Amino acid sequence: MYIGLGIVLLVLGLVFVLDVIQVDLSFINDNALGWILVLAGVLAIVLSLVVAPPWRRSETYYDGPAR
């Protein structure tokens, strides 16, 4: 679920790090903001894979009468 958020944060961070967009605000450093977003994106992707790995997502349930 958080993989999509991680990808968005990663892309936004790389946009700022690679100077595709420059923000001219005195209190925001584009490069630092970009690296923070990259790290947050990687962390979101890694945590989403650790918490719910794909091989544990599918569970089979039997919803029939008790034996």
Protein backbone atom coordinates (compact mmCIF):
# COMPACT_ATOMS: atom_id res chain seq x y z
CA MET A 1 0.00 0.00 0.00
CA TYR A 2 2.82 2.39 0.82
CA ILE A 3 4.87 1.39 -2.20
CA GLY A 4 3.02 3.96 -4.30
CA LEU A 5 3.69 6.68 -1.75
CA GLY A 6 7.34 5.67 -1.63
CA ILE A 7 7.64 5.89 -5.41
CA VAL A 8 6.02 9.34 -5.46
CA LEU A 9 8.34 10.61 -2.72
CA LEU A 10 11.34 9.09 -4.47
CA VAL A 11 10.47 10.75 -7.79
CA LEU A 12 9.80 14.12 -6.17
CA GLY A 13 13.07 13.90 -4.27
CA LEU A 14 15.02 13.08 -7.41
CA VAL A 15 13.39 16.00 -9.20
CA PHE A 16 14.72 18.35 -6.52
CA VAL A 17 18.13 16.67 -6.23
CA LEU A 18 18.76 16.74 -9.97
CA ASP A 19 17.65 20.42 -10.17
CA VAL A 20 14.78 19.81 -12.56
CA ILE A 21 12.74 22.28 -10.48
CA GLN A 22 14.30 25.06 -8.48
CA VAL A 23 12.41 26.71 -5.64
CA ASP A 24 13.58 30.24 -4.87
CA LEU A 25 12.70 30.42 -1.19
CA SER A 26 15.31 31.54 1.30
CA PHE A 27 14.27 29.06 4.00
CA ILE A 28 14.20 25.96 1.72
CA ASN A 29 17.32 24.32 0.37
CA ASP A 30 16.36 22.40 -2.78
CA ASN A 31 19.12 19.84 -2.47
CA ALA A 32 18.46 19.06 1.20
CA LEU A 33 14.71 18.81 0.61
CA GLY A 34 15.34 16.47 -2.30
CA TRP A 35 17.55 14.14 -0.26
CA ILE A 36 15.02 14.09 2.57
CA LEU A 37 12.27 13.10 0.13
CA VAL A 38 14.49 10.43 -1.47
CA LEU A 39 15.27 8.90 1.93
CA ALA A 40 11.60 9.02 2.96
CA GLY A 41 10.61 7.32 -0.30
CA VAL A 42 13.17 4.55 0.07
CA LEU A 43 12.16 4.06 3.70
CA ALA A 44 8.47 3.82 2.78
CA ILE A 45 9.20 1.21 0.08
CA VAL A 46 11.47 -0.86 2.33
CA LEU A 47 9.08 -0.77 5.28
CA SER A 48 6.10 -1.74 3.13
CA LEU A 49 8.02 -4.75 1.80
CA VAL A 50 9.21 -5.78 5.26
CA VAL A 51 5.84 -5.43 7.00
CA ALA A 52 3.79 -7.21 4.33
CA PRO A 53 5.98 -9.30 2.01
CA PRO A 54 4.22 -10.53 -1.15
CA TRP A 55 4.59 -14.22 -0.34
CA ARG A 56 2.61 -13.79 2.90
CA ARG A 57 -0.25 -11.74 1.50
CA SER A 58 -2.28 -14.54 0.02
CA GLU A 59 -3.83 -16.79 2.61
CA THR A 60 -6.37 -19.50 1.92
CA TYR A 61 -9.44 -19.55 4.11
CA TYR A 62 -11.99 -22.32 4.17
CA ASP A 63 -15.45 -20.94 4.81
CA GLY A 64 -17.41 -24.14 4.96
CA PRO A 65 -19.13 -26.16 7.62
CA ALA A 66 -17.03 -27.32 10.56
CA ARG A 67 -15.98 -30.96 10.45
